[in-house]
Amino acid sequence: MRRYNNRLGIRGWIYAGNYGLERYLYFLHRISGLGLIFYLLLHIGVTSARIYGGAAWEQTMSLLSGPAFKLGEYVLMAGAIFHAANGLRLIITELGMCIGTPGRQEYPYVSSVRKQRRLMIVVMIIIAVLLLISGVDFFIL
């Protein structure tokens, strides 16, 4: 029986190898999903301070009004934008759209992942534009 030696650990989870940019998007999609779950739990905890009265609520809000939390809110918004746009890209791909038509299989075989490259580039441009607009709105306006 052959054993698979997994010495890479977390690096193996992140390292893309021959997969390219799609693998890194997969990793960032995981991280942004975990970040959104963490925010949801934190948000429930913060809003539960309202139960203890107005003074507790005001104290909690004064604690969360610093510049570090403003930056954290932008990172949260960036994670939500990325997670939503990349999720839509994955749904479109799973439905079989934007992956091209199958051709005659000849060696070397073309991976279907490489046919998704145009959709990935379009989605990344959309994410960059949305992050730029939201950054201007968040920090300047």
N, C-alpha and C. Protein backbone atom coordinates (compact mmCIF):
# COMPACT_ATOMS: atom_id res chain seq x y z
N MET A 1 0.84 -1.18 0.00
CA MET A 1 0.00 0.00 0.00
C MET A 1 0.89 1.25 0.00
N ARG A 2 0.61 2.14 -0.91
CA ARG A 2 1.41 3.35 -1.04
C ARG A 2 0.84 4.45 -0.15
N ARG A 3 1.71 5.08 0.61
CA ARG A 3 1.28 6.18 1.48
C ARG A 3 1.65 7.50 0.84
N TYR A 4 0.76 8.46 0.97
CA TYR A 4 1.01 9.80 0.47
C TYR A 4 1.69 10.59 1.57
N ASN A 5 2.85 11.09 1.28
CA ASN A 5 3.61 11.84 2.26
C ASN A 5 3.28 13.32 2.12
N ASN A 6 2.54 13.84 3.06
CA ASN A 6 2.11 15.23 3.00
C ASN A 6 2.94 16.06 3.98
N ARG A 7 4.13 16.40 3.57
CA ARG A 7 5.00 17.18 4.44
C ARG A 7 4.83 18.68 4.27
N LEU A 8 4.07 19.09 3.26
CA LEU A 8 3.94 20.52 3.00
C LEU A 8 3.06 21.22 4.02
N GLY A 9 2.09 20.52 4.58
CA GLY A 9 1.21 21.13 5.57
C GLY A 9 0.40 22.27 4.99
N ILE A 10 0.41 23.42 5.65
CA ILE A 10 -0.38 24.56 5.20
C ILE A 10 0.17 25.13 3.90
N ARG A 11 1.48 25.00 3.67
CA ARG A 11 2.04 25.46 2.39
C ARG A 11 1.46 24.69 1.23
N GLY A 12 1.19 23.42 1.42
CA GLY A 12 0.55 22.62 0.37
C GLY A 12 -0.87 23.06 0.10
N TRP A 13 -1.51 23.62 1.10
CA TRP A 13 -2.87 24.12 0.94
C TRP A 13 -2.87 25.40 0.12
N ILE A 14 -1.80 26.19 0.25
CA ILE A 14 -1.72 27.48 -0.44
C ILE A 14 -1.05 27.35 -1.81
N TYR A 15 0.00 26.53 -1.91
CA TYR A 15 0.82 26.46 -3.12
C TYR A 15 0.00 26.02 -4.32
N ALA A 16 0.10 26.77 -5.42
CA ALA A 16 -0.72 26.50 -6.59
C ALA A 16 -0.10 25.47 -7.52
N GLY A 17 1.20 25.36 -7.54
CA GLY A 17 1.82 24.40 -8.45
C GLY A 17 1.54 24.74 -9.90
N ASN A 18 1.05 23.76 -10.65
CA ASN A 18 0.74 23.95 -12.06
C ASN A 18 -0.63 24.56 -12.29
N TYR A 19 -1.39 24.79 -11.25
CA TYR A 19 -2.77 25.23 -11.41
C TYR A 19 -2.88 26.71 -11.76
N GLY A 20 -1.94 27.51 -11.36
CA GLY A 20 -1.95 28.92 -11.70
C GLY A 20 -2.80 29.77 -10.78
N LEU A 21 -3.28 30.86 -11.33
CA LEU A 21 -3.98 31.87 -10.55
C LEU A 21 -5.30 31.36 -9.98
N GLU A 22 -5.95 30.43 -10.66
CA GLU A 22 -7.22 29.92 -10.17
C GLU A 22 -7.08 29.28 -8.80
N ARG A 23 -5.96 28.63 -8.56
CA ARG A 23 -5.72 28.00 -7.27
C ARG A 23 -5.59 29.04 -6.16
N TYR A 24 -4.94 30.16 -6.45
CA TYR A 24 -4.83 31.23 -5.47
C TYR A 24 -6.19 31.88 -5.21
N LEU A 25 -7.01 31.99 -6.26
CA LEU A 25 -8.37 32.51 -6.06
C LEU A 25 -9.17 31.57 -5.18
N TYR A 26 -8.95 30.27 -5.35
CA TYR A 26 -9.62 29.27 -4.51
C TYR A 26 -9.21 29.46 -3.06
N PHE A 27 -7.92 29.67 -2.81
CA PHE A 27 -7.43 29.90 -1.45
C PHE A 27 -8.01 31.19 -0.87
N LEU A 28 -8.00 32.27 -1.65
CA LEU A 28 -8.55 33.54 -1.17
C LEU A 28 -10.06 33.46 -0.94
N HIS A 29 -10.74 32.64 -1.75
CA HIS A 29 -12.17 32.45 -1.55
C HIS A 29 -12.44 31.77 -0.20
N ARG A 30 -11.61 30.80 0.14
CA ARG A 30 -11.73 30.15 1.45
C ARG A 30 -11.50 31.14 2.59
N ILE A 31 -10.42 31.91 2.48
CA ILE A 31 -10.07 32.86 3.53
C ILE A 31 -11.13 33.94 3.68
N SER A 32 -11.64 34.45 2.55
CA SER A 32 -12.67 35.49 2.65
C SER A 32 -13.96 34.93 3.24
N GLY A 33 -14.28 33.68 2.94
CA GLY A 33 -15.46 33.05 3.55
C GLY A 33 -15.30 32.90 5.05
N LEU A 34 -14.12 32.48 5.49
CA LEU A 34 -13.87 32.37 6.93
C LEU A 34 -13.92 33.74 7.60
N GLY A 35 -13.39 34.75 6.91
CA GLY A 35 -13.44 36.11 7.45
C GLY A 35 -14.86 36.62 7.59
N LEU A 36 -15.72 36.30 6.63
CA LEU A 36 -17.12 36.73 6.70
C LEU A 36 -17.86 36.01 7.82
N ILE A 37 -17.55 34.75 8.03
CA ILE A 37 -18.17 34.01 9.14
C ILE A 37 -17.71 34.61 10.48
N PHE A 38 -16.41 34.92 10.58
CA PHE A 38 -15.89 35.54 11.80
C PHE A 38 -16.57 36.89 12.05
N TYR A 39 -16.76 37.68 10.99
CA TYR A 39 -17.44 38.97 11.14
C TYR A 39 -18.88 38.77 11.60
N LEU A 40 -19.56 37.79 11.06
CA LEU A 40 -20.95 37.54 11.46
C LEU A 40 -21.03 37.25 12.95
N LEU A 41 -20.13 36.41 13.45
CA LEU A 41 -20.13 36.10 14.88
C LEU A 41 -19.77 37.34 15.71
N LEU A 42 -18.80 38.11 15.24
CA LEU A 42 -18.43 39.33 15.95
C LEU A 42 -19.57 40.35 15.94
N HIS A 43 -20.26 40.45 14.83
CA HIS A 43 -21.38 41.38 14.71
C HIS A 43 -22.51 41.01 15.66
N ILE A 44 -22.79 39.73 15.77
CA ILE A 44 -23.82 39.28 16.71
C ILE A 44 -23.41 39.62 18.14
N GLY A 45 -22.14 39.42 18.47
CA GLY A 45 -21.66 39.76 19.81
C GLY A 45 -21.73 41.24 20.11
N VAL A 46 -21.38 42.07 19.12
CA VAL A 46 -21.40 43.52 19.34
C VAL A 46 -22.82 44.03 19.47
N THR A 47 -23.71 43.57 18.61
CA THR A 47 -25.09 44.06 18.70
C THR A 47 -25.81 43.53 19.93
N SER A 48 -25.31 42.45 20.51
CA SER A 48 -25.94 41.96 21.74
C SER A 48 -25.64 42.88 22.93
N ALA A 49 -24.69 43.79 22.78
CA ALA A 49 -24.41 44.75 23.85
C ALA A 49 -25.59 45.68 24.07
N ARG A 50 -26.46 45.79 23.11
CA ARG A 50 -27.65 46.64 23.23
C ARG A 50 -28.59 46.11 24.32
N ILE A 51 -28.53 44.83 24.58
CA ILE A 51 -29.38 44.23 25.61
C ILE A 51 -29.07 44.80 26.99
N TYR A 52 -27.80 45.13 27.22
CA TYR A 52 -27.36 45.58 28.54
C TYR A 52 -27.58 47.07 28.77
N GLY A 53 -28.26 47.74 27.86
CA GLY A 53 -28.60 49.14 28.07
C GLY A 53 -27.83 50.09 27.18
N GLY A 54 -28.25 51.35 27.24
CA GLY A 54 -27.66 52.37 26.39
C GLY A 54 -26.21 52.67 26.72
N ALA A 55 -25.86 52.62 28.00
CA ALA A 55 -24.47 52.92 28.40
C ALA A 55 -23.50 51.87 27.86
N ALA A 56 -23.89 50.61 27.93
CA ALA A 56 -23.04 49.54 27.40
C ALA A 56 -22.91 49.66 25.88
N TRP A 57 -24.01 50.04 25.23
CA TRP A 57 -23.99 50.21 23.78
C TRP A 57 -23.06 51.37 23.39
N GLU A 58 -23.15 52.48 24.09
CA GLU A 58 -22.30 53.64 23.79
C GLU A 58 -20.83 53.32 24.03
N GLN A 59 -20.55 52.56 25.09
CA GLN A 59 -19.16 52.17 25.37
C GLN A 59 -18.62 51.27 24.27
N THR A 60 -19.43 50.33 23.82
CA THR A 60 -19.01 49.43 22.75
C THR A 60 -18.78 50.20 21.46
N MET A 61 -19.66 51.12 21.13
CA MET A 61 -19.52 51.91 19.91
C MET A 61 -18.31 52.84 19.97
N SER A 62 -18.00 53.38 21.14
CA SER A 62 -16.82 54.24 21.26
C SER A 62 -15.54 53.42 21.10
N LEU A 63 -15.58 52.18 21.55
CA LEU A 63 -14.43 51.28 21.38
C LEU A 63 -14.20 50.95 19.91
N LEU A 64 -15.27 50.86 19.14
CA LEU A 64 -15.18 50.45 17.74
C LEU A 64 -15.13 51.62 16.76
N SER A 65 -14.85 52.81 17.22
CA SER A 65 -14.86 53.96 16.32
C SER A 65 -13.45 54.44 15.95
N GLY A 66 -12.43 53.69 16.27
CA GLY A 66 -11.06 54.10 15.97
C GLY A 66 -10.69 53.88 14.52
N PRO A 67 -9.52 54.42 14.11
CA PRO A 67 -9.09 54.28 12.72
C PRO A 67 -8.75 52.84 12.33
N ALA A 68 -8.31 52.03 13.29
CA ALA A 68 -8.01 50.63 12.98
C ALA A 68 -9.28 49.89 12.58
N PHE A 69 -10.38 50.21 13.23
CA PHE A 69 -11.63 49.55 12.89
C PHE A 69 -12.19 50.05 11.56
N LYS A 70 -11.89 51.29 11.21
CA LYS A 70 -12.30 51.80 9.90
C LYS A 70 -11.57 51.04 8.80
N LEU A 71 -10.29 50.81 8.98
CA LEU A 71 -9.53 50.00 8.03
C LEU A 71 -10.05 48.57 8.01
N GLY A 72 -10.38 48.04 9.18
CA GLY A 72 -10.94 46.69 9.25
C GLY A 72 -12.27 46.57 8.53
N GLU A 73 -13.08 47.63 8.60
CA GLU A 73 -14.35 47.62 7.87
C GLU A 73 -14.12 47.60 6.37
N TYR A 74 -13.09 48.32 5.90
CA TYR A 74 -12.78 48.30 4.47
C TYR A 74 -12.28 46.92 4.05
N VAL A 75 -11.44 46.30 4.87
CA VAL A 75 -10.96 44.95 4.55
C VAL A 75 -12.13 43.98 4.51
N LEU A 76 -13.07 44.14 5.43
CA LEU A 76 -14.27 43.31 5.43
C LEU A 76 -15.07 43.52 4.15
N MET A 77 -15.24 44.77 3.76
CA MET A 77 -15.99 45.07 2.54
C MET A 77 -15.25 44.50 1.32
N ALA A 78 -13.93 44.62 1.29
CA ALA A 78 -13.16 44.06 0.18
C ALA A 78 -13.31 42.54 0.13
N GLY A 79 -13.29 41.90 1.28
CA GLY A 79 -13.50 40.45 1.33
C GLY A 79 -14.88 40.05 0.85
N ALA A 80 -15.88 40.83 1.21
CA ALA A 80 -17.25 40.53 0.77
C ALA A 80 -17.39 40.72 -0.73
N ILE A 81 -16.80 41.79 -1.28
CA ILE A 81 -16.85 42.01 -2.73
C ILE A 81 -16.15 40.88 -3.46
N PHE A 82 -14.95 40.52 -3.00
CA PHE A 82 -14.21 39.44 -3.65
C PHE A 82 -14.97 38.12 -3.56
N HIS A 83 -15.49 37.81 -2.38
CA HIS A 83 -16.17 36.53 -2.18
C HIS A 83 -17.42 36.44 -3.07
N ALA A 84 -18.17 37.54 -3.17
CA ALA A 84 -19.38 37.53 -3.99
C ALA A 84 -19.05 37.40 -5.47
N ALA A 85 -18.10 38.19 -5.96
CA ALA A 85 -17.77 38.15 -7.39
C ALA A 85 -17.13 36.83 -7.78
N ASN A 86 -16.23 36.33 -6.95
CA ASN A 86 -15.60 35.05 -7.26
C ASN A 86 -16.61 33.91 -7.14
N GLY A 87 -17.54 34.01 -6.22
CA GLY A 87 -18.60 33.01 -6.11
C GLY A 87 -19.48 32.98 -7.35
N LEU A 88 -19.80 34.15 -7.89
CA LEU A 88 -20.57 34.20 -9.13
C LEU A 88 -19.78 33.59 -10.29
N ARG A 89 -18.47 33.83 -10.32
CA ARG A 89 -17.62 33.22 -11.35
C ARG A 89 -17.64 31.70 -11.24
N LEU A 90 -17.57 31.21 -10.02
CA LEU A 90 -17.60 29.76 -9.82
C LEU A 90 -18.95 29.16 -10.21
N ILE A 91 -20.04 29.86 -9.90
CA ILE A 91 -21.37 29.37 -10.27
C ILE A 91 -21.51 29.33 -11.79
N ILE A 92 -21.07 30.39 -12.47
CA ILE A 92 -21.13 30.43 -13.93
C ILE A 92 -20.32 29.28 -14.52
N THR A 93 -19.16 29.02 -13.97
CA THR A 93 -18.32 27.94 -14.46
C THR A 93 -18.96 26.58 -14.19
N GLU A 94 -19.53 26.39 -13.01
CA GLU A 94 -20.18 25.12 -12.69
C GLU A 94 -21.38 24.85 -13.59
N LEU A 95 -22.05 25.90 -14.04
CA LEU A 95 -23.18 25.73 -14.94
C LEU A 95 -22.73 25.46 -16.37
N GLY A 96 -21.43 25.48 -16.61
CA GLY A 96 -20.90 25.15 -17.92
C GLY A 96 -20.82 26.32 -18.88
N MET A 97 -21.02 27.51 -18.38
CA MET A 97 -20.93 28.69 -19.24
C MET A 97 -19.52 29.25 -19.20
N CYS A 98 -19.13 29.89 -20.27
CA CYS A 98 -17.84 30.59 -20.37
C CYS A 98 -16.63 29.67 -20.25
N ILE A 99 -16.78 28.40 -20.58
CA ILE A 99 -15.61 27.52 -20.54
C ILE A 99 -15.26 27.02 -21.93
N GLY A 100 -15.92 27.55 -22.96
CA GLY A 100 -15.60 27.15 -24.31
C GLY A 100 -16.28 25.84 -24.70
N THR A 101 -16.18 25.52 -25.96
CA THR A 101 -16.77 24.27 -26.45
C THR A 101 -15.70 23.20 -26.48
N PRO A 102 -16.09 21.96 -26.25
CA PRO A 102 -15.10 20.89 -26.27
C PRO A 102 -14.57 20.67 -27.69
N GLY A 103 -13.31 20.43 -27.78
CA GLY A 103 -12.68 20.15 -29.07
C GLY A 103 -12.11 18.75 -29.08
N ARG A 104 -11.51 18.40 -30.18
CA ARG A 104 -10.89 17.08 -30.30
C ARG A 104 -9.71 17.01 -29.32
N GLN A 105 -9.70 15.96 -28.56
CA GLN A 105 -8.64 15.79 -27.56
C GLN A 105 -7.37 15.28 -28.22
N GLU A 106 -6.36 16.11 -28.23
CA GLU A 106 -5.06 15.73 -28.76
C GLU A 106 -4.01 16.05 -27.71
N TYR A 107 -3.00 15.24 -27.68
CA TYR A 107 -1.93 15.44 -26.72
C TYR A 107 -1.10 16.64 -27.15
N PRO A 108 -0.68 17.53 -26.32
CA PRO A 108 -0.95 17.62 -24.89
C PRO A 108 -2.36 18.16 -24.65
N TYR A 109 -3.04 17.55 -23.71
CA TYR A 109 -4.43 17.89 -23.44
C TYR A 109 -4.53 19.28 -22.83
N VAL A 110 -5.52 20.02 -23.29
CA VAL A 110 -5.76 21.36 -22.78
C VAL A 110 -6.69 21.26 -21.58
N SER A 111 -6.26 21.82 -20.48
CA SER A 111 -7.09 21.79 -19.28
C SER A 111 -8.27 22.73 -19.45
N SER A 112 -9.42 22.32 -18.96
CA SER A 112 -10.60 23.18 -19.05
C SER A 112 -10.44 24.42 -18.18
N VAL A 113 -9.55 24.35 -17.19
CA VAL A 113 -9.31 25.50 -16.33
C VAL A 113 -8.71 26.65 -17.14
N ARG A 114 -7.88 26.33 -18.11
CA ARG A 114 -7.25 27.38 -18.91
C ARG A 114 -8.26 28.07 -19.83
N LYS A 115 -9.37 27.41 -20.14
CA LYS A 115 -10.40 28.02 -20.96
C LYS A 115 -11.23 29.01 -20.15
N GLN A 116 -11.12 28.97 -18.85
CA GLN A 116 -11.87 29.88 -17.99
C GLN A 116 -11.11 31.18 -17.73
N ARG A 117 -9.94 31.30 -18.30
CA ARG A 117 -9.07 32.43 -17.99
C ARG A 117 -9.71 33.78 -18.31
N ARG A 118 -10.41 33.88 -19.45
CA ARG A 118 -11.02 35.17 -19.81
C ARG A 118 -12.06 35.60 -18.78
N LEU A 119 -12.89 34.65 -18.35
CA LEU A 119 -13.89 34.97 -17.33
C LEU A 119 -13.22 35.41 -16.03
N MET A 120 -12.14 34.74 -15.68
CA MET A 120 -11.42 35.09 -14.46
C MET A 120 -10.85 36.51 -14.55
N ILE A 121 -10.31 36.86 -15.70
CA ILE A 121 -9.75 38.20 -15.88
C ILE A 121 -10.84 39.26 -15.80
N VAL A 122 -11.98 38.99 -16.43
CA VAL A 122 -13.10 39.94 -16.38
C VAL A 122 -13.58 40.13 -14.95
N VAL A 123 -13.71 39.04 -14.21
CA VAL A 123 -14.17 39.14 -12.82
C VAL A 123 -13.15 39.88 -11.96
N MET A 124 -11.86 39.65 -12.17
CA MET A 124 -10.85 40.36 -11.40
C MET A 124 -10.85 41.86 -11.71
N ILE A 125 -11.12 42.23 -12.98
CA ILE A 125 -11.23 43.65 -13.33
C ILE A 125 -12.44 44.27 -12.64
N ILE A 126 -13.56 43.54 -12.63
CA ILE A 126 -14.76 44.03 -11.95
C ILE A 126 -14.49 44.22 -10.45
N ILE A 127 -13.80 43.25 -9.84
CA ILE A 127 -13.47 43.36 -8.42
C ILE A 127 -12.57 44.57 -8.17
N ALA A 128 -11.57 44.78 -9.03
CA ALA A 128 -10.66 45.91 -8.85
C ALA A 128 -11.41 47.24 -8.96
N VAL A 129 -12.32 47.34 -9.92
CA VAL A 129 -13.10 48.58 -10.08
C VAL A 129 -13.99 48.81 -8.86
N LEU A 130 -14.66 47.76 -8.40
CA LEU A 130 -15.52 47.90 -7.23
C LEU A 130 -14.73 48.27 -5.98
N LEU A 131 -13.54 47.68 -5.82
CA LEU A 131 -12.70 48.02 -4.67
C LEU A 131 -12.21 49.46 -4.74
N LEU A 132 -11.89 49.92 -5.94
CA LEU A 132 -11.46 51.30 -6.10
C LEU A 132 -12.59 52.28 -5.79
N ILE A 133 -13.77 52.01 -6.33
CA ILE A 133 -14.92 52.88 -6.06
C ILE A 133 -15.27 52.87 -4.58
N SER A 134 -15.29 51.69 -3.98
CA SER A 134 -15.63 51.62 -2.56
C SER A 134 -14.55 52.25 -1.69
N GLY A 135 -13.28 52.14 -2.09
CA GLY A 135 -12.21 52.78 -1.34
C GLY A 135 -12.31 54.29 -1.37
N VAL A 136 -12.62 54.84 -2.55
CA VAL A 136 -12.81 56.29 -2.65
C VAL A 136 -13.99 56.72 -1.79
N ASP A 137 -15.08 55.98 -1.88
CA ASP A 137 -16.27 56.33 -1.09
C ASP A 137 -16.00 56.17 0.41
N PHE A 138 -15.22 55.18 0.75
CA PHE A 138 -15.00 54.87 2.16
C PHE A 138 -14.02 55.82 2.82
N PHE A 139 -12.92 56.15 2.14
CA PHE A 139 -11.87 56.94 2.77
C PHE A 139 -11.87 58.42 2.39
N ILE A 140 -12.38 58.76 1.21
CA ILE A 140 -12.27 60.14 0.75
C ILE A 140 -13.58 60.90 0.91
N LEU A 141 -14.67 60.32 0.49
CA LEU A 141 -15.96 61.04 0.53
C LEU A 141 -16.60 61.04 1.89
